[in-house]
N, C-alpha and C. Protein backbone atom coordinates (compact mmCIF):
# COMPACT_ATOMS: atom_id res chain seq x y z
N UNK A 1 -63.29 -40.76 -24.31
CA UNK A 1 -62.59 -39.70 -23.59
C UNK A 1 -63.09 -40.63 -22.34
N UNK A 2 -62.34 -40.59 -21.43
CA UNK A 2 -62.56 -41.25 -20.23
C UNK A 2 -63.10 -40.35 -18.91
N UNK A 3 -63.94 -41.15 -17.89
CA UNK A 3 -64.25 -40.06 -16.92
C UNK A 3 -63.69 -40.50 -15.74
N UNK A 4 -62.95 -39.32 -15.15
CA UNK A 4 -62.15 -39.19 -13.86
C UNK A 4 -62.42 -39.94 -13.12
N UNK A 5 -63.39 -39.81 -13.15
CA UNK A 5 -64.03 -40.42 -11.60
C UNK A 5 -64.05 -41.93 -11.89
N UNK A 6 -64.05 -42.59 -12.87
CA UNK A 6 -63.75 -44.25 -13.01
C UNK A 6 -63.13 -44.85 -12.36
N UNK A 7 -64.15 -45.59 -11.14
CA UNK A 7 -63.31 -46.45 -10.20
C UNK A 7 -62.76 -45.53 -8.78
N UNK A 8 -62.98 -44.11 -9.11
CA UNK A 8 -62.75 -43.38 -8.13
C UNK A 8 -63.61 -42.52 -7.00
N UNK A 9 -64.54 -42.83 -6.70
CA UNK A 9 -65.96 -42.55 -6.49
C UNK A 9 -65.66 -41.15 -5.41
N UNK A 10 -64.62 -41.55 -4.16
CA UNK A 10 -64.51 -40.77 -3.05
C UNK A 10 -63.69 -39.85 -4.31
N UNK A 11 -62.79 -39.95 -5.22
CA UNK A 11 -62.52 -38.51 -5.86
C UNK A 11 -63.51 -37.55 -6.09
N UNK A 12 -64.40 -37.94 -6.22
CA UNK A 12 -65.16 -36.70 -6.67
C UNK A 12 -66.32 -35.69 -5.40
N UNK A 13 -66.51 -36.74 -4.52
CA UNK A 13 -66.35 -36.05 -3.18
C UNK A 13 -64.94 -35.00 -3.02
N UNK A 14 -63.90 -35.80 -2.80
CA UNK A 14 -62.82 -34.70 -2.71
C UNK A 14 -63.22 -33.45 -3.47
N UNK A 15 -63.52 -33.69 -4.73
CA UNK A 15 -63.48 -32.24 -5.72
C UNK A 15 -64.31 -31.61 -5.40
N UNK A 16 -65.83 -32.07 -4.66
CA UNK A 16 -67.02 -31.08 -4.20
C UNK A 16 -66.54 -30.47 -2.79
N UNK A 17 -65.83 -31.37 -2.21
CA UNK A 17 -65.09 -29.81 -1.14
C UNK A 17 -64.45 -29.12 -1.25
N UNK A 18 -63.63 -29.43 -2.18
CA UNK A 18 -62.15 -27.90 -2.58
C UNK A 18 -63.17 -27.12 -3.39
N UNK A 19 -64.02 -27.42 -3.98
CA UNK A 19 -64.90 -26.69 -4.67
C UNK A 19 -65.93 -25.27 -3.70
N UNK A 20 -66.44 -26.49 -2.70
CA UNK A 20 -66.97 -25.89 -1.69
C UNK A 20 -66.21 -25.19 -0.90
N UNK A 21 -65.13 -25.42 -0.50
CA UNK A 21 -64.54 -24.49 0.41
C UNK A 21 -64.02 -23.10 -0.49
N UNK A 22 -64.35 -23.15 -1.41
CA UNK A 22 -63.68 -22.17 -2.63
C UNK A 22 -65.10 -20.83 -2.53
N UNK A 23 -66.33 -21.76 -1.83
CA UNK A 23 -67.44 -20.76 -2.42
C UNK A 23 -67.54 -21.57 -4.11
N UNK A 24 -67.73 -22.47 -4.91
CA UNK A 24 -67.94 -22.87 -6.04
C UNK A 24 -68.88 -23.76 -6.35
N UNK A 25 -68.92 -24.42 -5.24
CA UNK A 25 -70.03 -25.82 -4.95
C UNK A 25 -71.88 -25.16 -5.79
N UNK A 26 -72.35 -24.78 -6.52
CA UNK A 26 -73.58 -25.12 -6.74
C UNK A 26 -74.60 -25.60 -5.91
N UNK A 27 -75.72 -24.84 -5.86
CA UNK A 27 -76.64 -25.12 -4.47
C UNK A 27 -77.02 -26.98 -4.80
N UNK A 28 -77.56 -26.89 -5.96
CA UNK A 28 -77.70 -28.08 -6.64
C UNK A 28 -76.90 -29.39 -6.72
N UNK A 29 -76.01 -29.26 -7.10
CA UNK A 29 -74.60 -30.15 -6.46
C UNK A 29 -74.60 -30.39 -4.89
N UNK A 30 -74.62 -29.31 -4.08
CA UNK A 30 -74.67 -29.45 -2.55
C UNK A 30 -75.66 -30.07 -2.12
N UNK A 31 -77.05 -30.02 -3.12
CA UNK A 31 -78.34 -31.13 -2.36
C UNK A 31 -78.38 -32.23 -2.90
N UNK A 32 -77.64 -32.76 -3.89
CA UNK A 32 -77.32 -33.62 -4.71
C UNK A 32 -77.11 -34.48 -3.56
N UNK A 33 -75.20 -34.35 -3.40
CA UNK A 33 -74.57 -34.71 -2.41
C UNK A 33 -75.06 -35.09 -0.64
N UNK A 34 -75.73 -33.89 -0.53
CA UNK A 34 -76.53 -33.91 0.82
C UNK A 34 -77.42 -35.51 1.16
N UNK A 35 -78.26 -35.06 -0.14
CA UNK A 35 -79.03 -36.43 -0.31
C UNK A 35 -78.51 -37.87 -0.30
N UNK A 36 -77.40 -37.83 -0.61
CA UNK A 36 -76.55 -38.78 -1.05
C UNK A 36 -75.78 -39.38 0.21
N UNK A 37 -75.51 -38.57 1.16
CA UNK A 37 -74.99 -39.29 2.54
C UNK A 37 -75.02 -40.56 2.84
N UNK A 38 -76.30 -40.82 2.99
CA UNK A 38 -76.67 -42.24 3.37
C UNK A 38 -75.92 -43.36 2.35
N UNK A 39 -75.60 -43.53 1.11
CA UNK A 39 -74.87 -43.95 0.30
C UNK A 39 -73.54 -43.74 0.85
N UNK A 40 -73.14 -42.48 1.16
CA UNK A 40 -71.43 -42.30 1.35
C UNK A 40 -70.94 -42.85 2.59
N UNK A 41 -72.01 -42.99 3.53
CA UNK A 41 -71.77 -43.76 4.82
C UNK A 41 -71.62 -45.03 4.56
N UNK A 42 -72.27 -45.59 3.43
CA UNK A 42 -72.49 -47.09 3.51
C UNK A 42 -70.95 -47.79 2.71
N UNK A 43 -70.71 -46.39 1.72
CA UNK A 43 -69.24 -46.93 1.10
C UNK A 43 -67.96 -46.42 1.53
N UNK A 44 -67.89 -45.00 2.33
CA UNK A 44 -67.00 -44.90 2.83
C UNK A 44 -66.74 -44.73 4.32
N UNK A 45 -67.71 -44.78 4.90
CA UNK A 45 -67.51 -45.21 6.27
C UNK A 45 -67.63 -43.58 6.90
N UNK A 46 -67.55 -43.48 8.15
CA UNK A 46 -67.85 -42.35 8.50
C UNK A 46 -69.05 -41.19 9.07
N UNK A 47 -68.82 -40.50 9.33
CA UNK A 47 -70.31 -39.80 10.27
C UNK A 47 -70.53 -38.79 9.88
N UNK A 48 -71.65 -38.04 10.35
CA UNK A 48 -72.04 -36.14 9.58
C UNK A 48 -72.30 -36.29 8.21
N UNK A 49 -71.87 -34.84 8.01
CA UNK A 49 -72.72 -34.58 6.58
C UNK A 49 -71.37 -35.33 5.92
N UNK A 50 -71.72 -35.06 4.61
CA UNK A 50 -70.64 -34.79 3.40
C UNK A 50 -69.00 -34.76 3.80
N UNK A 51 -69.08 -33.54 3.61
CA UNK A 51 -68.25 -32.70 4.04
C UNK A 51 -67.42 -32.92 5.68
N UNK A 52 -67.93 -33.61 6.23
CA UNK A 52 -67.40 -34.50 7.97
C UNK A 52 -66.22 -35.53 7.45
N UNK A 53 -67.21 -36.26 6.20
CA UNK A 53 -67.35 -37.44 5.77
C UNK A 53 -65.68 -37.49 4.86
N UNK A 54 -65.56 -36.34 4.39
CA UNK A 54 -64.40 -36.34 3.78
C UNK A 54 -63.64 -36.04 4.50
N UNK A 55 -63.49 -34.95 5.81
CA UNK A 55 -62.22 -34.68 5.97
C UNK A 55 -61.99 -35.37 7.30
N UNK A 56 -62.91 -36.62 7.37
CA UNK A 56 -62.52 -37.63 8.32
C UNK A 56 -61.31 -38.39 7.97
N UNK A 57 -61.90 -38.75 6.26
CA UNK A 57 -61.41 -39.81 5.50
C UNK A 57 -59.91 -39.63 5.45
N UNK A 58 -59.77 -38.29 4.53
CA UNK A 58 -58.69 -37.54 4.40
C UNK A 58 -57.61 -37.20 5.86
N UNK A 59 -58.29 -37.24 6.72
CA UNK A 59 -57.76 -36.96 8.22
C UNK A 59 -57.32 -35.19 8.10
N UNK A 60 -58.34 -34.90 7.74
CA UNK A 60 -57.85 -33.04 7.43
C UNK A 60 -57.98 -32.40 8.59
N UNK A 61 -56.65 -31.49 9.10
CA UNK A 61 -57.43 -31.11 10.56
C UNK A 61 -58.30 -30.08 10.63
N UNK A 62 -58.74 -29.49 11.67
CA UNK A 62 -59.81 -28.40 11.81
C UNK A 62 -59.30 -27.15 10.85
N UNK A 63 -59.79 -26.76 10.20
CA UNK A 63 -59.87 -25.77 9.70
C UNK A 63 -59.49 -25.49 8.05
N UNK A 64 -59.29 -27.08 7.63
CA UNK A 64 -58.71 -27.05 6.26
C UNK A 64 -59.55 -26.51 5.24
N UNK A 65 -60.81 -26.53 5.42
CA UNK A 65 -61.80 -25.75 4.08
C UNK A 65 -60.88 -24.35 4.05
N UNK A 66 -61.16 -23.70 5.25
CA UNK A 66 -60.60 -22.11 5.05
C UNK A 66 -59.12 -22.41 4.50
N UNK A 67 -58.10 -22.86 4.89
CA UNK A 67 -56.99 -22.89 4.58
C UNK A 67 -56.86 -23.27 2.75
N UNK A 68 -58.22 -24.17 2.20
CA UNK A 68 -58.02 -24.34 0.90
C UNK A 68 -58.57 -22.85 0.54
N UNK A 69 -59.71 -21.87 1.13
CA UNK A 69 -60.36 -20.82 0.55
C UNK A 69 -58.84 -19.86 0.77
N UNK A 70 -58.26 -20.19 1.43
CA UNK A 70 -56.85 -19.38 1.51
C UNK A 70 -56.02 -18.82 0.15
N UNK A 71 -55.85 -20.43 -0.17
CA UNK A 71 -55.01 -20.35 -1.20
C UNK A 71 -55.25 -20.15 -2.67
N UNK A 72 -57.12 -20.11 -2.43
CA UNK A 72 -57.62 -19.68 -3.92
C UNK A 72 -57.43 -18.26 -3.92
N UNK A 73 -58.08 -17.26 -2.35
CA UNK A 73 -57.81 -16.05 -2.69
C UNK A 73 -56.94 -15.71 -2.61
N UNK A 74 -55.59 -16.02 -2.73
CA UNK A 74 -54.30 -15.38 -2.94
C UNK A 74 -53.98 -15.65 -4.46
N UNK A 75 -53.98 -16.67 -4.90
CA UNK A 75 -53.31 -16.93 -6.24
C UNK A 75 -54.81 -16.50 -7.02
N UNK A 76 -55.89 -16.45 -6.41
CA UNK A 76 -56.94 -15.33 -7.39
C UNK A 76 -56.20 -14.13 -7.79
N UNK A 77 -56.04 -13.39 -6.84
CA UNK A 77 -55.46 -12.08 -6.73
C UNK A 77 -54.22 -11.81 -7.73
N UNK A 78 -53.60 -13.07 -7.82
CA UNK A 78 -52.41 -13.22 -8.45
C UNK A 78 -52.72 -13.70 -10.08
N UNK A 79 -53.70 -14.26 -10.39
CA UNK A 79 -54.00 -14.91 -11.58
C UNK A 79 -55.03 -13.43 -12.31
N UNK A 80 -55.53 -12.98 -11.27
CA UNK A 80 -56.22 -11.97 -11.91
C UNK A 80 -55.35 -10.30 -12.83
N UNK A 81 -53.99 -9.82 -11.37
CA UNK A 81 -53.33 -9.57 -11.90
C UNK A 81 -52.31 -10.08 -13.16
N UNK A 82 -51.95 -11.35 -13.47
CA UNK A 82 -51.14 -11.55 -13.95
C UNK A 82 -52.17 -12.03 -16.02
N UNK A 83 -53.22 -12.33 -15.26
CA UNK A 83 -54.39 -12.25 -17.25
C UNK A 83 -55.42 -11.81 -16.92
N UNK A 84 -55.40 -10.95 -16.53
CA UNK A 84 -56.24 -10.03 -16.75
C UNK A 84 -58.36 -10.68 -16.41
N UNK A 85 -58.14 -11.58 -15.88
CA UNK A 85 -59.57 -12.61 -16.15
C UNK A 85 -59.84 -13.12 -14.70
N UNK A 86 -60.85 -13.50 -14.02
CA UNK A 86 -61.16 -14.56 -13.40
C UNK A 86 -60.63 -16.01 -13.50
N UNK A 87 -59.64 -16.64 -12.75
CA UNK A 87 -59.85 -17.55 -12.68
C UNK A 87 -61.23 -18.97 -12.85
N UNK A 88 -60.52 -19.96 -13.23
CA UNK A 88 -61.73 -20.70 -13.19
C UNK A 88 -61.66 -21.90 -11.82
N UNK A 89 -62.66 -21.88 -11.56
CA UNK A 89 -62.78 -22.57 -9.97
C UNK A 89 -62.54 -24.13 -9.93
N UNK A 90 -63.05 -24.61 -11.09
CA UNK A 90 -62.52 -26.16 -11.49
C UNK A 90 -61.22 -26.54 -11.77
N UNK A 91 -60.96 -25.80 -12.96
CA UNK A 91 -59.00 -25.86 -13.06
C UNK A 91 -58.55 -25.77 -11.73
N UNK A 92 -58.57 -24.46 -10.75
CA UNK A 92 -58.09 -24.45 -9.77
C UNK A 92 -58.46 -25.51 -8.60
N UNK A 93 -59.47 -26.38 -8.55
CA UNK A 93 -59.58 -27.64 -7.94
C UNK A 93 -58.75 -28.87 -8.37
N UNK A 94 -59.02 -29.28 -9.98
CA UNK A 94 -58.30 -30.13 -10.26
C UNK A 94 -56.79 -29.86 -10.13
N UNK A 95 -56.24 -28.66 -10.42
CA UNK A 95 -54.83 -28.81 -9.85
C UNK A 95 -54.91 -28.95 -8.42
N UNK A 96 -55.49 -28.20 -7.68
CA UNK A 96 -55.39 -28.62 -6.30
C UNK A 96 -55.11 -29.78 -5.83
N UNK A 97 -55.93 -30.53 -6.54
CA UNK A 97 -56.47 -31.65 -5.86
C UNK A 97 -55.36 -32.88 -6.50
N UNK A 98 -54.74 -32.48 -7.71
CA UNK A 98 -53.80 -33.73 -8.07
C UNK A 98 -52.45 -33.36 -7.85
N UNK A 99 -52.14 -31.88 -7.28
CA UNK A 99 -51.22 -31.58 -7.22
C UNK A 99 -50.97 -32.20 -4.86
N UNK A 100 -51.88 -31.59 -4.24
CA UNK A 100 -51.88 -32.03 -2.64
C UNK A 100 -52.36 -33.66 -2.89
N UNK A 101 -52.94 -33.96 -3.26
CA UNK A 101 -54.03 -35.39 -3.08
C UNK A 101 -53.33 -36.72 -4.75
N UNK A 102 -52.47 -36.63 -4.96
CA UNK A 102 -52.11 -37.44 -5.75
C UNK A 102 -53.30 -38.26 -5.84
N UNK A 103 -53.52 -39.06 -6.83
CA UNK A 103 -54.70 -40.28 -7.20
C UNK A 103 -54.70 -41.26 -8.19
């Protein structure tokens, strides 16, 4: 089984950004990412925290995290109505990133 992040270290940050935007990034992962911010600056450039670095590198407009959350919230309601259970945030993240930011 191959690691989807192999050779794509920024993809991991982008995925975390999407999970964070929908309120699904756990506190431990957030803390790890925050601790790695100096290394991220070295690798990817940018300023601010890891979220800001992602937004800068991706050239996201202001409010992008809110827009992602809106897509999640609207889709979540439809998913629950159709499937009868909560959608998987990780599955949403993968689909959202693959659809909107091909890598």
